[in-house]
N, C-alpha and C. Protein backbone atom coordinates (compact mmCIF):
# COMPACT_ATOMS: atom_id res chain seq x y z
N MET A 1 129.58 49.92 124.67
CA MET A 1 128.17 50.24 124.61
C MET A 1 127.95 51.68 124.14
N LYS A 2 128.79 52.62 124.62
CA LYS A 2 128.63 54.02 124.22
C LYS A 2 128.85 54.19 122.72
N LEU A 3 129.81 53.45 122.18
CA LEU A 3 130.10 53.53 120.76
C LEU A 3 128.89 53.07 119.94
N ILE A 4 128.21 52.04 120.39
CA ILE A 4 127.03 51.54 119.69
C ILE A 4 125.92 52.59 119.71
N LYS A 5 125.73 53.27 120.86
CA LYS A 5 124.71 54.32 120.95
C LYS A 5 125.01 55.47 120.00
N VAL A 6 126.28 55.85 119.93
CA VAL A 6 126.67 56.94 119.04
C VAL A 6 126.43 56.55 117.59
N LEU A 7 126.82 55.35 117.22
CA LEU A 7 126.59 54.88 115.85
C LEU A 7 125.10 54.82 115.53
N PHE A 8 124.29 54.38 116.49
CA PHE A 8 122.84 54.33 116.30
C PHE A 8 122.28 55.73 116.07
N LEU A 9 122.72 56.68 116.88
CA LEU A 9 122.24 58.06 116.74
C LEU A 9 122.63 58.66 115.39
N LEU A 10 123.79 58.30 114.89
CA LEU A 10 124.23 58.82 113.60
C LEU A 10 123.39 58.30 112.44
N THR A 11 122.71 57.17 112.64
CA THR A 11 121.89 56.61 111.56
C THR A 11 120.45 57.11 111.59
N LEU A 12 120.05 57.83 112.64
CA LEU A 12 118.68 58.34 112.72
C LEU A 12 118.47 59.46 111.72
N PRO A 13 117.30 59.51 111.08
CA PRO A 13 117.02 60.60 110.14
C PRO A 13 116.80 61.91 110.90
N PHE A 14 117.18 63.01 110.28
CA PHE A 14 116.95 64.33 110.87
C PHE A 14 116.75 65.33 109.76
N ASN A 15 116.13 66.44 110.11
CA ASN A 15 115.90 67.50 109.13
C ASN A 15 117.17 68.31 108.96
N ALA A 16 117.54 68.53 107.74
CA ALA A 16 118.70 69.36 107.45
C ALA A 16 118.21 70.65 106.80
N PHE A 17 118.82 71.75 107.18
CA PHE A 17 118.45 73.04 106.62
C PHE A 17 119.58 73.53 105.73
N ALA A 18 119.27 73.81 104.50
CA ALA A 18 120.26 74.36 103.58
C ALA A 18 120.01 75.85 103.49
N TRP A 19 120.96 76.64 103.93
CA TRP A 19 120.80 78.09 103.89
C TRP A 19 121.24 78.60 102.53
N GLU A 20 120.50 78.19 101.52
CA GLU A 20 120.79 78.64 100.17
C GLU A 20 119.62 79.43 99.64
N CYS A 21 119.95 80.42 98.88
CA CYS A 21 118.94 81.25 98.25
C CYS A 21 119.12 81.11 96.75
N GLU A 22 118.03 80.89 96.03
CA GLU A 22 118.11 80.80 94.57
C GLU A 22 117.17 81.83 93.95
N ILE A 23 117.74 82.67 93.11
CA ILE A 23 116.96 83.67 92.38
C ILE A 23 117.43 83.64 90.93
N ASN A 24 116.48 83.49 90.02
CA ASN A 24 116.77 83.47 88.58
C ASN A 24 117.85 82.44 88.23
N GLY A 25 117.83 81.29 88.89
CA GLY A 25 118.80 80.24 88.60
C GLY A 25 120.17 80.45 89.21
N LYS A 26 120.36 81.53 89.96
CA LYS A 26 121.64 81.80 90.60
C LYS A 26 121.53 81.47 92.09
N ILE A 27 122.64 81.06 92.69
CA ILE A 27 122.64 80.67 94.10
C ILE A 27 123.61 81.55 94.87
N ASN A 28 123.18 81.99 96.04
CA ASN A 28 123.96 82.73 97.04
C ASN A 28 124.83 83.83 96.46
N GLU A 29 126.16 83.64 96.44
CA GLU A 29 127.09 84.71 96.08
C GLU A 29 126.95 85.16 94.63
N ASP A 30 126.37 84.31 93.78
CA ASP A 30 126.20 84.68 92.37
C ASP A 30 125.04 85.65 92.16
N ILE A 31 124.21 85.82 93.18
CA ILE A 31 123.04 86.70 93.07
C ILE A 31 123.50 88.15 93.21
N LYS A 32 123.09 88.97 92.26
CA LYS A 32 123.46 90.39 92.25
C LYS A 32 122.24 91.24 92.64
N PRO A 33 122.45 92.51 93.03
CA PRO A 33 121.31 93.37 93.38
C PRO A 33 120.24 93.43 92.28
N GLU A 34 120.66 93.43 91.02
CA GLU A 34 119.68 93.50 89.94
C GLU A 34 118.83 92.23 89.86
N ASP A 35 119.37 91.09 90.31
CA ASP A 35 118.56 89.86 90.36
C ASP A 35 117.48 89.99 91.42
N HIS A 36 117.85 90.54 92.57
CA HIS A 36 116.85 90.77 93.62
C HIS A 36 115.76 91.70 93.11
N TYR A 37 116.16 92.74 92.37
CA TYR A 37 115.19 93.70 91.85
C TYR A 37 114.21 93.01 90.90
N SER A 38 114.72 92.22 89.97
CA SER A 38 113.82 91.61 88.98
C SER A 38 112.91 90.56 89.61
N ALA A 39 113.35 89.87 90.66
CA ALA A 39 112.53 88.83 91.29
C ALA A 39 111.50 89.40 92.27
N ALA A 40 111.74 90.59 92.78
CA ALA A 40 110.87 91.17 93.81
C ALA A 40 109.55 91.64 93.24
N SER A 41 108.50 91.53 94.06
CA SER A 41 107.21 92.10 93.65
C SER A 41 107.26 93.62 93.77
N ASP A 42 108.09 94.13 94.67
CA ASP A 42 108.30 95.58 94.80
C ASP A 42 109.62 95.84 95.50
N VAL A 43 110.21 96.96 95.18
CA VAL A 43 111.40 97.46 95.86
C VAL A 43 111.02 98.81 96.41
N VAL A 44 111.19 99.00 97.71
CA VAL A 44 110.75 100.24 98.34
C VAL A 44 111.86 100.88 99.14
N PHE A 45 111.74 102.19 99.27
CA PHE A 45 112.62 102.98 100.12
C PHE A 45 111.77 103.41 101.30
N GLY A 46 112.18 103.04 102.51
CA GLY A 46 111.38 103.38 103.68
C GLY A 46 112.20 103.42 104.95
N MET A 47 111.53 103.82 106.03
CA MET A 47 112.19 103.94 107.33
C MET A 47 111.43 103.11 108.36
N ILE A 48 112.16 102.41 109.21
CA ILE A 48 111.57 101.63 110.29
C ILE A 48 111.06 102.59 111.36
N MET A 49 109.75 102.58 111.58
CA MET A 49 109.14 103.48 112.57
C MET A 49 109.08 102.83 113.95
N SER A 50 108.75 101.54 114.00
CA SER A 50 108.64 100.84 115.28
C SER A 50 108.77 99.35 115.01
N GLY A 51 108.97 98.61 116.07
CA GLY A 51 109.08 97.17 115.92
C GLY A 51 109.03 96.45 117.24
N HIS A 52 108.60 95.21 117.20
CA HIS A 52 108.59 94.37 118.39
C HIS A 52 108.57 92.91 117.95
N PHE A 53 108.85 92.02 118.89
CA PHE A 53 108.75 90.60 118.59
C PHE A 53 107.87 89.93 119.62
N THR A 54 107.30 88.81 119.23
CA THR A 54 106.46 88.01 120.11
C THR A 54 107.06 86.62 120.18
N GLN A 55 107.20 86.12 121.40
CA GLN A 55 107.70 84.75 121.57
C GLN A 55 106.57 83.81 121.19
N THR A 56 106.73 83.03 120.12
CA THR A 56 105.65 82.17 119.63
C THR A 56 105.78 80.73 120.10
N ALA A 57 106.97 80.29 120.35
CA ALA A 57 107.23 78.94 120.86
C ALA A 57 108.62 78.97 121.46
N GLU A 58 109.00 77.89 122.03
CA GLU A 58 110.33 77.85 122.63
C GLU A 58 111.37 78.16 121.55
N ARG A 59 112.14 79.20 121.79
CA ARG A 59 113.20 79.65 120.88
C ARG A 59 112.70 80.11 119.51
N ARG A 60 111.44 80.48 119.39
CA ARG A 60 110.89 80.99 118.14
C ARG A 60 110.27 82.35 118.39
N ARG A 61 110.45 83.25 117.45
CA ARG A 61 109.87 84.59 117.59
C ARG A 61 109.22 85.01 116.28
N THR A 62 108.18 85.83 116.42
CA THR A 62 107.58 86.50 115.28
C THR A 62 107.93 87.98 115.41
N TYR A 63 108.50 88.56 114.36
CA TYR A 63 108.91 89.96 114.37
C TYR A 63 107.88 90.78 113.60
N ASN A 64 107.55 91.94 114.14
CA ASN A 64 106.63 92.87 113.49
C ASN A 64 107.29 94.25 113.46
N TYR A 65 107.41 94.80 112.27
CA TYR A 65 107.97 96.15 112.11
C TYR A 65 106.99 97.01 111.33
N THR A 66 106.90 98.28 111.71
CA THR A 66 106.13 99.24 110.94
C THR A 66 107.12 100.07 110.13
N VAL A 67 106.89 100.10 108.82
CA VAL A 67 107.78 100.81 107.90
C VAL A 67 107.00 101.94 107.24
N LYS A 68 107.56 103.14 107.28
CA LYS A 68 106.98 104.26 106.54
C LYS A 68 107.62 104.25 105.15
N ILE A 69 106.79 104.04 104.14
CA ILE A 69 107.28 103.94 102.76
C ILE A 69 107.37 105.34 102.16
N PHE A 70 108.57 105.71 101.72
CA PHE A 70 108.77 107.00 101.06
C PHE A 70 108.60 106.88 99.55
N HIS A 71 109.01 105.73 99.00
CA HIS A 71 108.92 105.58 97.55
C HIS A 71 108.91 104.10 97.17
N SER A 72 108.07 103.77 96.19
CA SER A 72 107.97 102.42 95.65
C SER A 72 108.54 102.43 94.23
N PHE A 73 109.50 101.55 93.95
CA PHE A 73 110.14 101.53 92.64
C PHE A 73 109.35 100.75 91.60
N LYS A 74 108.67 99.69 92.01
CA LYS A 74 108.00 98.82 91.04
C LYS A 74 106.49 98.80 91.19
N GLY A 75 105.98 99.20 92.31
CA GLY A 75 104.54 99.10 92.54
C GLY A 75 103.96 100.40 93.04
N ASP A 76 102.97 100.29 93.90
CA ASP A 76 102.31 101.48 94.42
C ASP A 76 102.11 101.40 95.93
N ILE A 77 103.02 100.73 96.63
CA ILE A 77 102.93 100.65 98.09
C ILE A 77 103.26 102.03 98.67
N THR A 78 102.38 102.54 99.53
CA THR A 78 102.60 103.85 100.14
C THR A 78 102.24 103.80 101.61
N GLY A 79 102.53 104.90 102.29
CA GLY A 79 102.14 105.04 103.70
C GLY A 79 102.89 104.10 104.61
N GLU A 80 102.28 103.77 105.74
CA GLU A 80 102.90 102.87 106.70
C GLU A 80 102.44 101.44 106.43
N GLN A 81 103.39 100.54 106.40
CA GLN A 81 103.12 99.12 106.15
C GLN A 81 103.71 98.31 107.29
N THR A 82 103.09 97.19 107.59
CA THR A 82 103.62 96.28 108.60
C THR A 82 104.28 95.10 107.91
N ILE A 83 105.51 94.82 108.29
CA ILE A 83 106.18 93.63 107.78
C ILE A 83 106.35 92.66 108.93
N THR A 84 106.07 91.40 108.66
CA THR A 84 106.10 90.36 109.68
C THR A 84 106.87 89.17 109.15
N PHE A 85 107.69 88.58 109.99
CA PHE A 85 108.39 87.36 109.59
C PHE A 85 108.77 86.57 110.82
N GLU A 86 109.00 85.28 110.62
CA GLU A 86 109.41 84.37 111.68
C GLU A 86 110.93 84.29 111.72
N ASP A 87 111.47 83.82 112.84
CA ASP A 87 112.91 83.62 112.97
C ASP A 87 113.51 82.88 111.77
N SER A 88 112.87 81.81 111.38
CA SER A 88 113.46 80.94 110.35
C SER A 88 113.26 81.47 108.93
N GLU A 89 112.38 82.46 108.74
CA GLU A 89 112.07 82.93 107.39
C GLU A 89 113.02 84.00 106.88
N PHE A 90 113.60 84.76 107.78
CA PHE A 90 114.38 85.91 107.36
C PHE A 90 115.48 86.16 108.37
N LEU A 91 116.69 86.30 107.92
CA LEU A 91 117.81 86.53 108.83
C LEU A 91 118.17 88.00 108.79
N GLY A 92 117.75 88.73 109.77
CA GLY A 92 118.08 90.14 109.82
C GLY A 92 117.30 90.84 110.90
N ASN A 93 117.88 91.89 111.41
CA ASN A 93 117.18 92.75 112.36
C ASN A 93 117.29 94.16 111.83
N PHE A 94 116.30 94.95 112.17
CA PHE A 94 116.27 96.32 111.69
C PHE A 94 116.42 97.29 112.84
N GLU A 95 117.03 98.42 112.55
CA GLU A 95 117.22 99.46 113.55
C GLU A 95 116.10 100.48 113.41
N ILE A 96 115.43 100.77 114.53
CA ILE A 96 114.34 101.75 114.52
C ILE A 96 114.92 103.12 114.14
N GLY A 97 114.24 103.80 113.22
CA GLY A 97 114.70 105.11 112.76
C GLY A 97 115.64 105.05 111.57
N GLN A 98 116.09 103.86 111.20
CA GLN A 98 117.01 103.69 110.08
C GLN A 98 116.23 103.54 108.78
N SER A 99 116.76 104.10 107.70
CA SER A 99 116.16 103.96 106.38
C SER A 99 116.78 102.79 105.64
N TYR A 100 115.96 102.13 104.82
CA TYR A 100 116.41 100.95 104.08
C TYR A 100 115.79 100.93 102.69
N LEU A 101 116.46 100.24 101.78
CA LEU A 101 115.85 99.75 100.56
C LEU A 101 115.49 98.30 100.83
N PHE A 102 114.25 97.91 100.55
CA PHE A 102 113.79 96.54 100.77
C PHE A 102 113.37 95.93 99.44
N THR A 103 113.61 94.64 99.27
CA THR A 103 112.97 93.91 98.18
C THR A 103 111.88 93.06 98.81
N PHE A 104 110.66 93.34 98.45
CA PHE A 104 109.52 92.59 98.98
C PHE A 104 109.15 91.47 98.01
N MET A 105 108.80 90.34 98.58
CA MET A 105 108.28 89.22 97.80
C MET A 105 106.80 89.10 98.14
N ARG A 106 105.94 89.16 97.14
CA ARG A 106 104.49 89.06 97.36
C ARG A 106 104.04 90.10 98.39
N ASN A 107 103.84 91.29 97.93
CA ASN A 107 103.39 92.42 98.75
C ASN A 107 104.47 92.85 99.72
N THR A 108 104.24 92.75 101.03
CA THR A 108 105.24 93.23 102.00
C THR A 108 105.85 92.09 102.79
N GLN A 109 106.03 90.95 102.16
CA GLN A 109 106.64 89.81 102.85
C GLN A 109 108.15 89.80 102.65
N LEU A 110 108.84 89.45 103.70
CA LEU A 110 110.28 89.23 103.62
C LEU A 110 110.53 87.75 103.84
N ASN A 111 111.54 87.22 103.15
CA ASN A 111 111.93 85.84 103.41
C ASN A 111 113.45 85.75 103.37
N PHE A 112 113.96 84.53 103.48
CA PHE A 112 115.40 84.35 103.55
C PHE A 112 116.13 84.95 102.36
N CYS A 113 115.50 84.95 101.20
CA CYS A 113 116.14 85.48 99.99
C CYS A 113 115.90 86.97 99.80
N SER A 114 115.15 87.59 100.67
CA SER A 114 114.91 89.03 100.54
C SER A 114 116.20 89.80 100.78
N PHE A 115 116.29 90.93 100.14
CA PHE A 115 117.48 91.76 100.20
C PHE A 115 117.09 93.09 100.82
N TYR A 116 117.88 93.56 101.75
CA TYR A 116 117.64 94.89 102.29
C TYR A 116 118.98 95.58 102.44
N PHE A 117 118.95 96.88 102.33
CA PHE A 117 120.19 97.65 102.32
C PHE A 117 119.98 98.90 103.14
N PRO A 118 120.76 99.09 104.22
CA PRO A 118 120.60 100.31 105.02
C PRO A 118 121.09 101.53 104.24
N LEU A 119 120.35 102.61 104.33
CA LEU A 119 120.73 103.85 103.66
C LEU A 119 121.14 104.86 104.72
N TYR A 120 122.31 105.40 104.57
CA TYR A 120 122.81 106.38 105.53
C TYR A 120 122.57 107.76 104.95
N ILE A 121 121.52 108.39 105.42
CA ILE A 121 121.03 109.61 104.80
C ILE A 121 121.00 110.74 105.82
N GLU A 122 121.62 111.85 105.47
CA GLU A 122 121.57 113.02 106.35
C GLU A 122 120.32 113.85 106.08
N ASN A 123 119.97 114.01 104.82
CA ASN A 123 118.81 114.80 104.45
C ASN A 123 117.81 113.90 103.72
N ARG A 124 116.95 113.24 104.49
CA ARG A 124 116.04 112.23 103.94
C ARG A 124 115.09 112.83 102.90
N ASP A 125 114.55 114.02 103.15
CA ASP A 125 113.59 114.61 102.22
C ASP A 125 114.22 114.90 100.86
N ALA A 126 115.41 115.48 100.86
CA ALA A 126 116.09 115.77 99.60
C ALA A 126 116.40 114.49 98.85
N ASN A 127 116.82 113.46 99.57
CA ASN A 127 117.16 112.20 98.91
C ASN A 127 115.92 111.46 98.44
N THR A 128 114.80 111.59 99.15
CA THR A 128 113.55 110.99 98.68
C THR A 128 113.17 111.60 97.34
N THR A 129 113.28 112.93 97.23
CA THR A 129 112.99 113.61 95.97
C THR A 129 113.94 113.14 94.88
N SER A 130 115.23 112.99 95.20
CA SER A 130 116.20 112.52 94.22
C SER A 130 115.88 111.12 93.74
N ILE A 131 115.49 110.24 94.68
CA ILE A 131 115.15 108.86 94.31
C ILE A 131 113.92 108.85 93.41
N LYS A 132 112.92 109.66 93.72
CA LYS A 132 111.72 109.71 92.88
C LYS A 132 112.07 110.19 91.48
N ARG A 133 112.88 111.22 91.39
CA ARG A 133 113.27 111.74 90.07
C ARG A 133 114.04 110.68 89.28
N LEU A 134 114.94 109.98 89.97
CA LEU A 134 115.73 108.94 89.31
C LEU A 134 114.84 107.85 88.74
N SER A 135 113.90 107.35 89.54
CA SER A 135 113.08 106.22 89.09
C SER A 135 111.99 106.64 88.10
N GLU A 136 111.65 107.93 88.05
CA GLU A 136 110.64 108.41 87.10
C GLU A 136 111.26 108.87 85.78
N ASN A 137 112.59 108.90 85.71
CA ASN A 137 113.29 109.29 84.50
C ASN A 137 113.03 108.22 83.43
N PRO A 138 112.60 108.62 82.21
CA PRO A 138 112.31 107.63 81.17
C PRO A 138 113.53 106.81 80.77
N ASN A 139 114.73 107.32 81.02
CA ASN A 139 115.96 106.58 80.69
C ASN A 139 116.42 105.67 81.83
N TYR A 140 115.66 105.65 82.92
CA TYR A 140 116.03 104.86 84.09
C TYR A 140 115.86 103.37 83.80
N ILE A 141 116.91 102.60 83.98
CA ILE A 141 116.86 101.14 83.81
C ILE A 141 117.19 100.53 85.17
N PRO A 142 116.17 100.11 85.93
CA PRO A 142 116.38 99.68 87.31
C PRO A 142 117.46 98.62 87.48
N GLU A 143 117.50 97.62 86.60
CA GLU A 143 118.47 96.55 86.76
C GLU A 143 119.91 97.07 86.71
N GLN A 144 120.14 98.12 85.92
CA GLN A 144 121.49 98.69 85.82
C GLN A 144 121.72 99.76 86.87
N ASP A 145 120.72 100.59 87.10
CA ASP A 145 120.90 101.75 87.97
C ASP A 145 120.81 101.42 89.46
N LEU A 146 120.30 100.23 89.82
CA LEU A 146 120.19 99.90 91.24
C LEU A 146 121.56 99.81 91.89
N LYS A 147 122.54 99.25 91.18
CA LYS A 147 123.90 99.19 91.72
C LYS A 147 124.41 100.59 92.02
N ARG A 148 124.18 101.50 91.07
CA ARG A 148 124.63 102.88 91.25
C ARG A 148 123.93 103.54 92.44
N LEU A 149 122.64 103.23 92.61
CA LEU A 149 121.88 103.77 93.73
C LEU A 149 122.44 103.26 95.05
N PHE A 150 122.73 101.95 95.13
CA PHE A 150 123.31 101.39 96.35
C PHE A 150 124.67 102.03 96.63
N TRP A 151 125.48 102.20 95.58
CA TRP A 151 126.79 102.81 95.76
C TRP A 151 126.64 104.24 96.28
N TYR A 152 125.68 104.97 95.75
CA TYR A 152 125.48 106.37 96.13
C TYR A 152 125.17 106.51 97.61
N PHE A 153 124.34 105.59 98.13
CA PHE A 153 123.92 105.71 99.52
C PHE A 153 124.80 104.95 100.51
N ASN A 154 125.77 104.20 100.02
CA ASN A 154 126.64 103.44 100.91
C ASN A 154 127.49 104.42 101.72
N GLU A 155 127.55 104.21 103.03
CA GLU A 155 128.26 105.16 103.90
C GLU A 155 129.75 105.24 103.57
N ASP A 156 130.33 104.19 102.99
CA ASP A 156 131.75 104.23 102.66
C ASP A 156 132.05 105.20 101.53
N ASN A 157 131.04 105.58 100.77
CA ASN A 157 131.24 106.46 99.63
C ASN A 157 130.84 107.90 99.92
N GLN A 158 130.45 108.20 101.14
CA GLN A 158 130.02 109.56 101.47
C GLN A 158 131.20 110.47 101.70
């Protein structure tokens, strides 16, 4: 009888979640930082000022973070912005006081395919000025230079 129950349960339909991200026709590991840059509505350099979560349902949370934007690479987002996402929409947690590069989709939304990169910065003001100069340079090509920017700020290269 137990075997029949198990077989019956195996035939029931259920929702399957595929944790795949597709950007510009590429999937998961094939996606490069420059793909995230080209697909994003904006790429910003900012610092997490505060954050909290709200329990919305059993085992579900809504996360709210306040980000101080130091520089926008593609748009004109400035000042403090609130980013909000659900457990299932975005896999990641942010450290308060930590600086990040974010790829935003549709204004300040993050989703499963969003890319963020922690920046380990000792002198934030000097580096903010450097980032602004880099992105305002007429020879700056974001798709090529973003890799170099990530490498520059990666703690392993300091």
